[in-house]
Amino acid sequence: MEEEKRPSLANIARALSDPIRLQILDILVKGRDASCVSSPHPQLPHAVCPYLDVLPKLENISTSKLSYHLKELREAGLVEEYRLGKQVFYLVNQKTLEHLLETVKSRYLLSSTPS
């Protein structure tokens, strides 16, 4: 079995450096809410359709720009895409966020025990 390929810290940080991508992540983390107009994914009740549910929550952004930002988030491993027929759904990849936090903690935070 192949080891799961994880995105580098630099790739994740680059993806998180854009305010629009942070907004998209904020919306995806919250998941479905009363404002969502897409039909829910039968196996993924928190998954959100970006074009029907996320786009209206972003101000002055085109569909192509949303697609670009979703691609950047996908390539950084921050979101996962699921298809159901012609509809696409997204969820935040919790494993990547956990990996990010663990990496930052181990590389950059000082140990609480004195040397």
N, C-alpha and C. Protein backbone atom coordinates (compact mmCIF):
# COMPACT_ATOMS: atom_id res chain seq x y z
N MET A 1 0.85 -1.18 0.00
CA MET A 1 0.00 0.00 0.00
C MET A 1 0.90 1.24 0.00
N GLU A 2 0.57 2.18 -0.84
CA GLU A 2 1.34 3.42 -0.93
C GLU A 2 1.05 4.32 0.26
N GLU A 3 2.11 5.01 0.71
CA GLU A 3 1.92 5.98 1.79
C GLU A 3 1.17 7.18 1.23
N GLU A 4 0.24 7.70 2.00
CA GLU A 4 -0.56 8.84 1.57
C GLU A 4 0.35 10.04 1.33
N LYS A 5 0.26 10.62 0.14
CA LYS A 5 1.10 11.76 -0.21
C LYS A 5 0.49 13.02 0.42
N ARG A 6 1.30 13.69 1.23
CA ARG A 6 0.83 14.90 1.90
C ARG A 6 1.41 16.13 1.22
N PRO A 7 0.62 17.18 1.09
CA PRO A 7 1.14 18.41 0.52
C PRO A 7 2.17 19.04 1.47
N SER A 8 3.11 19.76 0.89
CA SER A 8 4.14 20.38 1.72
C SER A 8 3.56 21.57 2.49
N LEU A 9 4.25 21.90 3.56
CA LEU A 9 3.86 23.04 4.38
C LEU A 9 3.81 24.31 3.53
N ALA A 10 4.77 24.46 2.63
CA ALA A 10 4.82 25.65 1.77
C ALA A 10 3.59 25.72 0.86
N ASN A 11 3.18 24.58 0.30
CA ASN A 11 1.99 24.57 -0.57
C ASN A 11 0.72 24.90 0.19
N ILE A 12 0.62 24.37 1.39
CA ILE A 12 -0.55 24.66 2.21
C ILE A 12 -0.57 26.13 2.60
N ALA A 13 0.59 26.65 3.03
CA ALA A 13 0.68 28.06 3.42
C ALA A 13 0.35 28.98 2.25
N ARG A 14 0.82 28.62 1.05
CA ARG A 14 0.54 29.44 -0.14
C ARG A 14 -0.96 29.46 -0.41
N ALA A 15 -1.61 28.31 -0.28
CA ALA A 15 -3.05 28.24 -0.52
C ALA A 15 -3.82 29.05 0.51
N LEU A 16 -3.32 29.08 1.74
CA LEU A 16 -3.99 29.82 2.81
C LEU A 16 -3.69 31.31 2.79
N SER A 17 -2.78 31.73 1.92
CA SER A 17 -2.35 33.13 1.91
C SER A 17 -3.32 34.06 1.18
N ASP A 18 -4.33 33.50 0.55
CA ASP A 18 -5.28 34.31 -0.21
C ASP A 18 -6.57 34.50 0.58
N PRO A 19 -7.02 35.75 0.77
CA PRO A 19 -8.23 36.01 1.55
C PRO A 19 -9.49 35.35 0.99
N ILE A 20 -9.58 35.24 -0.33
CA ILE A 20 -10.77 34.60 -0.92
C ILE A 20 -10.78 33.11 -0.57
N ARG A 21 -9.61 32.47 -0.63
CA ARG A 21 -9.55 31.05 -0.29
C ARG A 21 -9.88 30.83 1.19
N LEU A 22 -9.47 31.76 2.03
CA LEU A 22 -9.83 31.66 3.45
C LEU A 22 -11.34 31.78 3.64
N GLN A 23 -11.97 32.68 2.89
CA GLN A 23 -13.43 32.82 2.94
C GLN A 23 -14.11 31.52 2.52
N ILE A 24 -13.59 30.93 1.44
CA ILE A 24 -14.17 29.67 0.94
C ILE A 24 -14.03 28.59 2.01
N LEU A 25 -12.86 28.49 2.61
CA LEU A 25 -12.66 27.50 3.68
C LEU A 25 -13.61 27.74 4.85
N ASP A 26 -13.78 29.01 5.23
CA ASP A 26 -14.70 29.34 6.32
C ASP A 26 -16.10 28.83 6.02
N ILE A 27 -16.55 29.02 4.80
CA ILE A 27 -17.89 28.58 4.40
C ILE A 27 -17.96 27.05 4.40
N LEU A 28 -16.93 26.41 3.86
CA LEU A 28 -16.94 24.94 3.79
C LEU A 28 -16.86 24.31 5.17
N VAL A 29 -16.10 24.90 6.08
CA VAL A 29 -15.99 24.36 7.43
C VAL A 29 -17.35 24.37 8.12
N LYS A 30 -18.13 25.41 7.90
CA LYS A 30 -19.46 25.50 8.51
C LYS A 30 -20.42 24.46 7.93
N GLY A 31 -20.18 24.05 6.69
CA GLY A 31 -21.02 23.04 6.05
C GLY A 31 -22.37 23.60 5.64
N ARG A 32 -23.28 22.70 5.41
CA ARG A 32 -24.62 23.09 4.95
C ARG A 32 -25.35 23.88 6.03
N ASP A 33 -26.09 24.88 5.58
CA ASP A 33 -26.94 25.65 6.49
C ASP A 33 -28.26 25.96 5.77
N ALA A 34 -29.08 26.75 6.39
CA ALA A 34 -30.41 27.05 5.84
C ALA A 34 -30.35 27.79 4.50
N SER A 35 -29.22 28.47 4.22
CA SER A 35 -29.12 29.22 2.98
C SER A 35 -28.72 28.35 1.78
N CYS A 36 -28.35 27.10 2.01
CA CYS A 36 -27.93 26.21 0.92
C CYS A 36 -29.14 25.83 0.06
N VAL A 37 -28.96 25.93 -1.24
CA VAL A 37 -30.07 25.63 -2.16
C VAL A 37 -29.87 24.31 -2.90
N SER A 38 -28.66 23.75 -2.84
CA SER A 38 -28.41 22.48 -3.53
C SER A 38 -29.06 21.33 -2.76
N SER A 39 -29.32 20.26 -3.48
CA SER A 39 -29.79 19.05 -2.82
C SER A 39 -28.62 18.46 -2.04
N PRO A 40 -28.84 17.99 -0.83
CA PRO A 40 -27.73 17.43 -0.06
C PRO A 40 -27.19 16.14 -0.69
N HIS A 41 -25.92 15.92 -0.52
CA HIS A 41 -25.30 14.67 -0.95
C HIS A 41 -25.78 13.57 0.00
N PRO A 42 -26.26 12.44 -0.52
CA PRO A 42 -26.85 11.42 0.35
C PRO A 42 -25.87 10.81 1.37
N GLN A 43 -24.59 10.68 1.01
CA GLN A 43 -23.63 10.10 1.94
C GLN A 43 -22.81 11.14 2.70
N LEU A 44 -22.86 12.38 2.26
CA LEU A 44 -22.04 13.45 2.87
C LEU A 44 -22.94 14.63 3.23
N PRO A 45 -23.67 14.55 4.33
CA PRO A 45 -24.67 15.58 4.65
C PRO A 45 -24.10 16.97 4.90
N HIS A 46 -22.81 17.08 5.23
CA HIS A 46 -22.21 18.40 5.47
C HIS A 46 -21.58 19.00 4.22
N ALA A 47 -21.45 18.20 3.16
CA ALA A 47 -20.81 18.67 1.93
C ALA A 47 -21.63 19.79 1.29
N VAL A 48 -20.90 20.70 0.65
CA VAL A 48 -21.52 21.89 0.08
C VAL A 48 -21.22 21.96 -1.42
N CYS A 49 -22.20 22.35 -2.20
CA CYS A 49 -22.00 22.59 -3.63
C CYS A 49 -21.45 24.01 -3.78
N PRO A 50 -20.24 24.16 -4.28
CA PRO A 50 -19.64 25.50 -4.32
C PRO A 50 -20.39 26.47 -5.23
N TYR A 51 -20.93 25.99 -6.33
CA TYR A 51 -21.54 26.90 -7.30
C TYR A 51 -22.95 27.33 -6.90
N LEU A 52 -23.64 26.49 -6.13
CA LEU A 52 -24.98 26.85 -5.69
C LEU A 52 -25.00 27.41 -4.27
N ASP A 53 -24.08 26.95 -3.42
CA ASP A 53 -24.13 27.30 -2.01
C ASP A 53 -23.03 28.26 -1.55
N VAL A 54 -21.85 28.16 -2.15
CA VAL A 54 -20.73 29.02 -1.74
C VAL A 54 -20.71 30.32 -2.53
N LEU A 55 -20.86 30.23 -3.83
CA LEU A 55 -20.78 31.41 -4.69
C LEU A 55 -21.67 32.57 -4.25
N PRO A 56 -22.92 32.32 -3.88
CA PRO A 56 -23.77 33.44 -3.44
C PRO A 56 -23.28 34.12 -2.15
N LYS A 57 -22.48 33.42 -1.36
CA LYS A 57 -21.99 33.98 -0.10
C LYS A 57 -20.71 34.81 -0.29
N LEU A 58 -20.12 34.73 -1.47
CA LEU A 58 -18.92 35.51 -1.77
C LEU A 58 -19.33 36.74 -2.58
N GLU A 59 -18.74 37.85 -2.29
CA GLU A 59 -19.10 39.08 -2.99
C GLU A 59 -18.28 39.25 -4.25
N ASN A 60 -18.96 39.54 -5.35
CA ASN A 60 -18.32 39.91 -6.61
C ASN A 60 -17.23 38.94 -7.05
N ILE A 61 -17.55 37.68 -7.10
CA ILE A 61 -16.59 36.69 -7.59
C ILE A 61 -17.26 35.89 -8.70
N SER A 62 -16.54 35.67 -9.79
CA SER A 62 -17.09 34.94 -10.93
C SER A 62 -16.95 33.43 -10.68
N THR A 63 -17.70 32.67 -11.44
CA THR A 63 -17.64 31.22 -11.36
C THR A 63 -16.24 30.72 -11.68
N SER A 64 -15.62 31.32 -12.70
CA SER A 64 -14.27 30.87 -13.08
C SER A 64 -13.25 31.18 -11.98
N LYS A 65 -13.41 32.30 -11.30
CA LYS A 65 -12.50 32.63 -10.20
C LYS A 65 -12.71 31.67 -9.03
N LEU A 66 -13.95 31.32 -8.74
CA LEU A 66 -14.23 30.34 -7.69
C LEU A 66 -13.60 29.00 -8.06
N SER A 67 -13.73 28.59 -9.31
CA SER A 67 -13.13 27.33 -9.77
C SER A 67 -11.62 27.34 -9.58
N TYR A 68 -10.99 28.46 -9.91
CA TYR A 68 -9.54 28.59 -9.75
C TYR A 68 -9.15 28.42 -8.28
N HIS A 69 -9.85 29.10 -7.39
CA HIS A 69 -9.52 29.03 -5.97
C HIS A 69 -9.78 27.63 -5.40
N LEU A 70 -10.84 26.97 -5.85
CA LEU A 70 -11.11 25.60 -5.42
C LEU A 70 -9.99 24.67 -5.89
N LYS A 71 -9.50 24.89 -7.10
CA LYS A 71 -8.39 24.08 -7.62
C LYS A 71 -7.15 24.26 -6.75
N GLU A 72 -6.85 25.49 -6.36
CA GLU A 72 -5.70 25.76 -5.50
C GLU A 72 -5.86 25.07 -4.14
N LEU A 73 -7.05 25.12 -3.59
CA LEU A 73 -7.31 24.47 -2.30
C LEU A 73 -7.23 22.95 -2.43
N ARG A 74 -7.72 22.41 -3.55
CA ARG A 74 -7.64 20.96 -3.79
C ARG A 74 -6.20 20.51 -3.92
N GLU A 75 -5.41 21.25 -4.69
CA GLU A 75 -4.01 20.89 -4.92
C GLU A 75 -3.20 20.96 -3.63
N ALA A 76 -3.59 21.82 -2.71
CA ALA A 76 -2.92 21.91 -1.41
C ALA A 76 -3.45 20.85 -0.45
N GLY A 77 -4.46 20.10 -0.87
CA GLY A 77 -5.02 19.05 -0.03
C GLY A 77 -5.96 19.56 1.05
N LEU A 78 -6.36 20.83 0.95
CA LEU A 78 -7.19 21.42 1.98
C LEU A 78 -8.67 21.10 1.83
N VAL A 79 -9.09 20.76 0.62
CA VAL A 79 -10.49 20.38 0.39
C VAL A 79 -10.54 19.11 -0.43
N GLU A 80 -11.65 18.41 -0.31
CA GLU A 80 -11.89 17.19 -1.08
C GLU A 80 -13.13 17.40 -1.93
N GLU A 81 -13.07 16.91 -3.15
CA GLU A 81 -14.16 17.04 -4.10
C GLU A 81 -14.86 15.70 -4.26
N TYR A 82 -16.18 15.74 -4.26
CA TYR A 82 -17.01 14.55 -4.47
C TYR A 82 -18.03 14.88 -5.55
N ARG A 83 -18.22 13.95 -6.47
CA ARG A 83 -19.20 14.15 -7.54
C ARG A 83 -20.39 13.23 -7.35
N LEU A 84 -21.53 13.77 -7.67
CA LEU A 84 -22.77 13.00 -7.66
C LEU A 84 -23.51 13.39 -8.93
N GLY A 85 -23.40 12.54 -9.96
CA GLY A 85 -23.94 12.91 -11.26
C GLY A 85 -23.17 14.11 -11.80
N LYS A 86 -23.90 15.15 -12.16
CA LYS A 86 -23.25 16.36 -12.67
C LYS A 86 -22.93 17.35 -11.56
N GLN A 87 -23.41 17.09 -10.37
CA GLN A 87 -23.21 18.01 -9.26
C GLN A 87 -21.91 17.69 -8.53
N VAL A 88 -21.23 18.73 -8.07
CA VAL A 88 -19.98 18.57 -7.35
C VAL A 88 -20.16 19.11 -5.92
N PHE A 89 -19.54 18.44 -4.98
CA PHE A 89 -19.62 18.83 -3.57
C PHE A 89 -18.21 18.92 -3.00
N TYR A 90 -18.06 19.76 -2.00
CA TYR A 90 -16.75 19.92 -1.34
C TYR A 90 -16.88 19.81 0.17
N LEU A 91 -15.82 19.25 0.75
CA LEU A 91 -15.64 19.20 2.20
C LEU A 91 -14.22 19.61 2.51
N VAL A 92 -14.01 20.17 3.68
CA VAL A 92 -12.66 20.49 4.14
C VAL A 92 -11.97 19.18 4.51
N ASN A 93 -10.71 19.05 4.14
CA ASN A 93 -9.93 17.86 4.47
C ASN A 93 -9.34 18.05 5.86
N GLN A 94 -9.98 17.45 6.83
CA GLN A 94 -9.56 17.59 8.23
C GLN A 94 -8.16 17.03 8.47
N LYS A 95 -7.80 15.97 7.77
CA LYS A 95 -6.47 15.37 7.94
C LYS A 95 -5.37 16.34 7.56
N THR A 96 -5.57 17.10 6.50
CA THR A 96 -4.57 18.08 6.09
C THR A 96 -4.45 19.19 7.12
N LEU A 97 -5.56 19.65 7.65
CA LEU A 97 -5.50 20.69 8.67
C LEU A 97 -4.82 20.19 9.94
N GLU A 98 -5.11 18.95 10.33
CA GLU A 98 -4.44 18.37 11.49
C GLU A 98 -2.93 18.25 11.25
N HIS A 99 -2.56 17.81 10.04
CA HIS A 99 -1.14 17.71 9.67
C HIS A 99 -0.47 19.08 9.72
N LEU A 100 -1.15 20.09 9.21
CA LEU A 100 -0.62 21.46 9.24
C LEU A 100 -0.34 21.90 10.67
N LEU A 101 -1.31 21.71 11.54
CA LEU A 101 -1.15 22.13 12.94
C LEU A 101 -0.02 21.36 13.63
N GLU A 102 0.05 20.07 13.39
CA GLU A 102 1.11 19.25 13.99
C GLU A 102 2.48 19.70 13.48
N THR A 103 2.58 19.98 12.19
CA THR A 103 3.85 20.40 11.60
C THR A 103 4.30 21.74 12.15
N VAL A 104 3.39 22.69 12.21
CA VAL A 104 3.73 24.01 12.75
C VAL A 104 4.14 23.89 14.22
N LYS A 105 3.40 23.10 14.96
CA LYS A 105 3.71 22.92 16.38
C LYS A 105 5.10 22.32 16.56
N SER A 106 5.40 21.26 15.83
CA SER A 106 6.68 20.57 16.01
C SER A 106 7.86 21.38 15.47
N ARG A 107 7.63 22.17 14.43
CA ARG A 107 8.75 22.91 13.83
C ARG A 107 8.97 24.28 14.42
N TYR A 108 7.89 24.94 14.88
CA TYR A 108 8.02 26.36 15.20
C TYR A 108 7.67 26.76 16.62
N LEU A 109 6.96 25.91 17.36
CA LEU A 109 6.61 26.28 18.72
C LEU A 109 7.63 25.71 19.68
N LEU A 110 8.04 26.51 20.61
CA LEU A 110 9.01 26.07 21.60
C LEU A 110 8.37 25.07 22.54
N SER A 111 9.13 24.14 22.97
CA SER A 111 8.65 23.16 23.94
C SER A 111 8.38 23.86 25.26
N SER A 112 7.36 23.43 25.97
CA SER A 112 7.02 24.08 27.22
C SER A 112 7.94 23.62 28.36
N THR A 113 8.74 22.58 28.12
CA THR A 113 9.65 22.13 29.18
C THR A 113 10.98 22.86 29.07
N PRO A 114 11.48 23.40 30.17
CA PRO A 114 12.75 24.12 30.11
C PRO A 114 13.91 23.18 29.86
N SER A 115 14.94 23.70 29.17
CA SER A 115 16.10 22.85 28.87
C SER A 115 17.13 22.91 29.96
